[in-house]
């Protein structure tokens, strides 16, 4: 099972993710801003968006939103860490 082991904010709602298999990729958080829902609305505030953390291998926010590492893995353009 793939897990996120590290996440780093790089600006403009972009998050660099490091996965448990040694791959890294960039998650475009702006894709979340186009969707609606009570857990997604707070992410429109970029300062709140930046409060993400990795919890048990998932990308998470303090208000309870968690994004599946497997889905993020598939949505990122991946490259192997040298």
N, C-alpha and C. Protein backbone atom coordinates (compact mmCIF):
# COMPACT_ATOMS: atom_id res chain seq x y z
N UNK A 1 0.85 -1.18 0.00
CA UNK A 1 0.00 0.00 0.00
C UNK A 1 0.89 1.25 0.00
N UNK A 2 0.61 2.14 -0.92
CA UNK A 2 1.40 3.37 -1.06
C UNK A 2 1.01 4.36 0.04
N UNK A 3 1.99 5.07 0.58
CA UNK A 3 1.75 6.09 1.60
C UNK A 3 2.55 7.33 1.26
N UNK A 4 2.05 8.46 1.74
CA UNK A 4 2.80 9.71 1.65
C UNK A 4 3.71 9.75 2.87
N UNK A 5 4.98 10.03 2.64
CA UNK A 5 5.89 10.10 3.78
C UNK A 5 6.31 11.53 4.09
N UNK A 6 6.14 12.43 3.11
CA UNK A 6 6.49 13.83 3.34
C UNK A 6 5.71 14.71 2.37
N UNK A 7 5.32 15.89 2.85
CA UNK A 7 4.61 16.86 2.01
C UNK A 7 5.20 18.24 2.30
N UNK A 8 5.43 18.98 1.21
CA UNK A 8 6.05 20.31 1.34
C UNK A 8 5.32 21.28 0.42
N UNK A 9 4.90 22.41 1.00
CA UNK A 9 4.22 23.44 0.22
C UNK A 9 5.23 24.18 -0.64
N UNK A 10 4.93 24.31 -1.95
CA UNK A 10 5.88 24.99 -2.83
C UNK A 10 5.28 26.25 -3.46
N UNK A 11 4.06 26.62 -3.05
CA UNK A 11 3.44 27.86 -3.52
C UNK A 11 2.31 27.61 -4.48
N UNK A 12 1.40 28.59 -4.56
CA UNK A 12 0.26 28.56 -5.49
C UNK A 12 -0.55 27.27 -5.40
N UNK A 13 -0.82 26.83 -4.18
CA UNK A 13 -1.62 25.62 -3.93
C UNK A 13 -0.96 24.35 -4.48
N UNK A 14 0.34 24.36 -4.63
CA UNK A 14 1.09 23.21 -5.10
C UNK A 14 1.80 22.55 -3.92
N UNK A 15 1.69 21.22 -3.84
CA UNK A 15 2.32 20.47 -2.74
C UNK A 15 3.21 19.39 -3.34
N UNK A 16 4.46 19.40 -2.96
CA UNK A 16 5.37 18.34 -3.37
C UNK A 16 5.20 17.17 -2.41
N UNK A 17 4.90 16.00 -2.95
CA UNK A 17 4.66 14.81 -2.15
C UNK A 17 5.76 13.79 -2.37
N UNK A 18 6.23 13.18 -1.29
CA UNK A 18 7.17 12.06 -1.37
C UNK A 18 6.42 10.82 -0.91
N UNK A 19 6.49 9.77 -1.74
CA UNK A 19 5.75 8.55 -1.48
C UNK A 19 6.67 7.44 -0.97
N UNK A 20 6.06 6.44 -0.37
CA UNK A 20 6.80 5.36 0.28
C UNK A 20 7.60 4.49 -0.68
N UNK A 21 7.34 4.57 -1.97
CA UNK A 21 8.10 3.77 -2.94
C UNK A 21 9.28 4.55 -3.54
N UNK A 22 9.58 5.74 -3.00
CA UNK A 22 10.70 6.53 -3.46
C UNK A 22 10.37 7.52 -4.57
N UNK A 23 9.11 7.55 -4.99
CA UNK A 23 8.69 8.48 -6.03
C UNK A 23 8.26 9.81 -5.39
N UNK A 24 8.39 10.90 -6.14
CA UNK A 24 7.87 12.19 -5.72
C UNK A 24 6.98 12.73 -6.82
N UNK A 25 6.08 13.63 -6.44
CA UNK A 25 5.20 14.24 -7.42
C UNK A 25 4.63 15.53 -6.88
N UNK A 26 4.02 16.30 -7.76
CA UNK A 26 3.42 17.58 -7.38
C UNK A 26 1.91 17.43 -7.45
N UNK A 27 1.26 17.73 -6.32
CA UNK A 27 -0.20 17.75 -6.25
C UNK A 27 -0.67 19.18 -6.47
N UNK A 28 -1.57 19.37 -7.43
CA UNK A 28 -2.14 20.68 -7.71
C UNK A 28 -3.41 20.85 -6.89
N UNK A 29 -3.30 21.54 -5.77
CA UNK A 29 -4.42 21.74 -4.87
C UNK A 29 -5.52 22.59 -5.44
N UNK A 30 -5.25 23.34 -6.51
CA UNK A 30 -6.29 24.16 -7.12
C UNK A 30 -7.43 23.31 -7.66
N UNK A 31 -7.16 22.04 -7.93
CA UNK A 31 -8.22 21.14 -8.39
C UNK A 31 -9.30 20.98 -7.32
N UNK A 32 -8.90 21.10 -6.05
CA UNK A 32 -9.88 21.00 -4.96
C UNK A 32 -10.76 22.25 -4.88
N UNK A 33 -10.21 23.40 -5.28
CA UNK A 33 -10.94 24.66 -5.17
C UNK A 33 -12.10 24.73 -6.16
N UNK A 34 -12.06 23.93 -7.19
CA UNK A 34 -13.13 23.90 -8.19
C UNK A 34 -14.31 23.06 -7.74
N UNK A 35 -14.13 22.29 -6.68
CA UNK A 35 -15.19 21.43 -6.17
C UNK A 35 -15.86 22.11 -4.98
N UNK A 36 -17.04 21.64 -4.61
CA UNK A 36 -17.75 22.24 -3.49
C UNK A 36 -17.97 21.21 -2.40
N UNK A 37 -18.22 21.72 -1.22
CA UNK A 37 -18.48 20.86 -0.08
C UNK A 37 -17.98 21.51 1.18
N UNK A 38 -18.54 21.14 2.32
CA UNK A 38 -18.16 21.80 3.58
C UNK A 38 -16.70 21.59 3.98
N UNK A 39 -16.10 20.46 3.61
CA UNK A 39 -14.70 20.25 3.95
C UNK A 39 -13.74 20.90 2.96
N UNK A 40 -14.24 21.23 1.78
CA UNK A 40 -13.38 21.84 0.76
C UNK A 40 -13.36 23.36 0.82
N UNK A 41 -14.45 23.95 1.29
CA UNK A 41 -14.56 25.42 1.32
C UNK A 41 -13.42 26.11 2.08
N UNK A 42 -13.01 25.62 3.26
CA UNK A 42 -11.93 26.30 3.98
C UNK A 42 -10.60 26.34 3.22
N UNK A 43 -10.41 25.43 2.26
CA UNK A 43 -9.16 25.37 1.51
C UNK A 43 -8.98 26.56 0.57
N UNK A 44 -10.05 27.32 0.33
CA UNK A 44 -9.94 28.52 -0.49
C UNK A 44 -9.04 29.57 0.15
N UNK A 45 -8.90 29.51 1.46
CA UNK A 45 -7.98 30.38 2.18
C UNK A 45 -6.59 29.74 2.08
N UNK A 46 -5.69 30.37 1.34
CA UNK A 46 -4.38 29.76 1.10
C UNK A 46 -3.62 29.50 2.40
N UNK A 47 -3.78 30.36 3.40
CA UNK A 47 -3.10 30.12 4.67
C UNK A 47 -3.62 28.86 5.34
N UNK A 48 -4.94 28.64 5.24
CA UNK A 48 -5.49 27.40 5.79
C UNK A 48 -5.02 26.20 4.97
N UNK A 49 -5.02 26.33 3.66
CA UNK A 49 -4.57 25.24 2.79
C UNK A 49 -3.17 24.78 3.21
N UNK A 50 -2.31 25.73 3.56
CA UNK A 50 -0.93 25.42 3.92
C UNK A 50 -0.80 24.67 5.24
N UNK A 51 -1.87 24.52 5.98
CA UNK A 51 -1.82 23.84 7.27
C UNK A 51 -1.92 22.32 7.14
N UNK A 52 -1.76 21.79 5.93
CA UNK A 52 -1.83 20.34 5.73
C UNK A 52 -0.72 19.65 6.52
N UNK A 53 -0.90 18.36 6.73
CA UNK A 53 0.10 17.51 7.37
C UNK A 53 -0.12 16.08 6.90
N UNK A 54 0.85 15.23 7.13
CA UNK A 54 0.73 13.82 6.76
C UNK A 54 0.30 13.06 8.00
N UNK A 55 -0.81 12.32 7.87
CA UNK A 55 -1.35 11.54 8.99
C UNK A 55 -1.60 10.11 8.52
N UNK A 56 -0.84 9.19 9.06
CA UNK A 56 -0.96 7.78 8.67
C UNK A 56 -0.90 7.59 7.16
N UNK A 57 -0.03 8.35 6.50
CA UNK A 57 0.20 8.20 5.08
C UNK A 57 -0.73 8.97 4.17
N UNK A 58 -1.67 9.73 4.74
CA UNK A 58 -2.62 10.51 3.94
C UNK A 58 -2.33 12.00 4.10
N UNK A 59 -2.66 12.79 3.08
CA UNK A 59 -2.56 14.24 3.17
C UNK A 59 -3.81 14.74 3.89
N UNK A 60 -3.61 15.44 5.00
CA UNK A 60 -4.72 15.80 5.89
C UNK A 60 -4.69 17.27 6.28
N UNK A 61 -5.85 17.76 6.73
CA UNK A 61 -5.99 19.12 7.24
C UNK A 61 -6.63 19.06 8.61
N UNK A 62 -6.45 20.11 9.43
CA UNK A 62 -6.93 20.09 10.80
C UNK A 62 -8.45 19.94 10.96
N UNK A 63 -9.21 20.28 9.95
CA UNK A 63 -10.67 20.20 10.08
C UNK A 63 -11.23 18.83 9.69
N UNK A 64 -10.35 17.87 9.39
CA UNK A 64 -10.78 16.50 9.16
C UNK A 64 -10.69 15.99 7.73
N UNK A 65 -10.38 16.84 6.77
CA UNK A 65 -10.25 16.40 5.39
C UNK A 65 -8.99 15.56 5.24
N UNK A 66 -9.13 14.39 4.61
CA UNK A 66 -8.00 13.53 4.29
C UNK A 66 -8.09 13.12 2.83
N UNK A 67 -6.98 13.20 2.12
CA UNK A 67 -6.94 12.77 0.73
C UNK A 67 -6.18 11.46 0.63
N UNK A 68 -6.73 10.55 -0.10
CA UNK A 68 -6.17 9.22 -0.27
C UNK A 68 -4.79 9.27 -0.92
N UNK A 69 -3.80 8.63 -0.31
CA UNK A 69 -2.48 8.62 -0.94
C UNK A 69 -2.49 7.89 -2.28
N UNK A 70 -3.30 6.87 -2.43
CA UNK A 70 -3.36 6.13 -3.69
C UNK A 70 -3.90 7.02 -4.81
N UNK A 71 -4.94 7.80 -4.53
CA UNK A 71 -5.51 8.68 -5.55
C UNK A 71 -4.54 9.82 -5.89
N UNK A 72 -3.86 10.35 -4.88
CA UNK A 72 -2.88 11.40 -5.13
C UNK A 72 -1.72 10.85 -5.96
N UNK A 73 -1.31 9.64 -5.68
CA UNK A 73 -0.23 9.00 -6.42
C UNK A 73 -0.58 8.92 -7.91
N UNK A 74 -1.83 8.56 -8.19
CA UNK A 74 -2.27 8.43 -9.58
C UNK A 74 -2.43 9.78 -10.27
N UNK A 75 -2.72 10.83 -9.49
CA UNK A 75 -2.98 12.14 -10.10
C UNK A 75 -1.72 12.99 -10.28
N UNK A 76 -0.63 12.61 -9.65
CA UNK A 76 0.62 13.38 -9.73
C UNK A 76 1.48 12.92 -10.90
N UNK A 77 2.20 13.88 -11.48
CA UNK A 77 3.26 13.52 -12.43
C UNK A 77 4.45 13.12 -11.57
N UNK A 78 4.79 11.84 -11.61
CA UNK A 78 5.78 11.28 -10.69
C UNK A 78 7.17 11.22 -11.30
N UNK A 79 8.17 11.29 -10.43
CA UNK A 79 9.53 11.04 -10.83
C UNK A 79 10.26 10.40 -9.66
N UNK A 80 11.26 9.61 -9.99
CA UNK A 80 12.04 8.89 -8.98
C UNK A 80 13.06 9.82 -8.36
N UNK A 81 13.18 9.77 -7.03
CA UNK A 81 14.17 10.57 -6.34
C UNK A 81 15.54 9.94 -6.57
N UNK A 82 16.49 10.74 -6.99
CA UNK A 82 17.83 10.22 -7.29
C UNK A 82 18.61 9.92 -6.03
